[in-house]
Amino acid sequence: MARIDDYENARKLAKEKLVAITFETIADYSGFDPIDEQKLHVPFLNRIYTIQYPDFQFYSEDDYEIPLQEQVLLLHYLGGRPQSEFNRWVSYREIPGASFYFSAFVKRAIDPLKKVFGEQLKILKHAAQQLNAHFIDYGDLGLEFQILPNITIRIIMWKGDDEFPPEANILFPDNIYEILSPEDIAWLSGMLVYRLMALK
């Protein structure tokens, strides 16, 4: 399990890489709206953050203490550069380099989804509406979240019955690996699921 020091070092490294990139380029590629010449408006999972350039400090509207994991992930996102067009939806296993983190992905995202919402799809639907999810015609409940300007994530749920337990899957655009690492994608998935759990 990662320690606080690991996240602080990751944040420091991410900031050092971003300093070499102009504010205009970061705003353009990230899709976040500039507030002024040095600040970005960053909506993320039903919260609003401001990121200050060039020191990349984070601020929230309600003085919410932004977790280090979220800061690191968003900094990595700011440095991401999608090079190819979206072609299809893929499972986590299909993301290049993701096999090493698959068990962590399941533990952080898939297992909690099934445990908390597998028998309560109406509650999941209500929570998803608070994150402005779109409903899609997949499984017993299909949800699509515009979780970041360049990243859309789908959650597909199947109810259990007498023979089979509930099932869940999370799908990603096939070019997501150009924006975030497999580890970050696992974290992002878990952040979405745990925010849904908090909103239920």
Foldseek 3Di string as FASTA:
>chain_A
DDDPVNLVVLLVVLLVVCLVPAPVLLCVQQVFDAPDRFWTWFDALLFTWIFGPNNRDIDGPVRDDDDSLVSSLVSLLSVFHQDDDFDDKDFLVPAPPQPVCVVLLCVLAWVLCQVPCQAPVVLLVQLLVSQVWDWDPAAPTKTWHCRGVVWIKIKHWHHADPVGHIGITMITGRRCCRRDPSVSVSVSNSVNSVSSVVRD
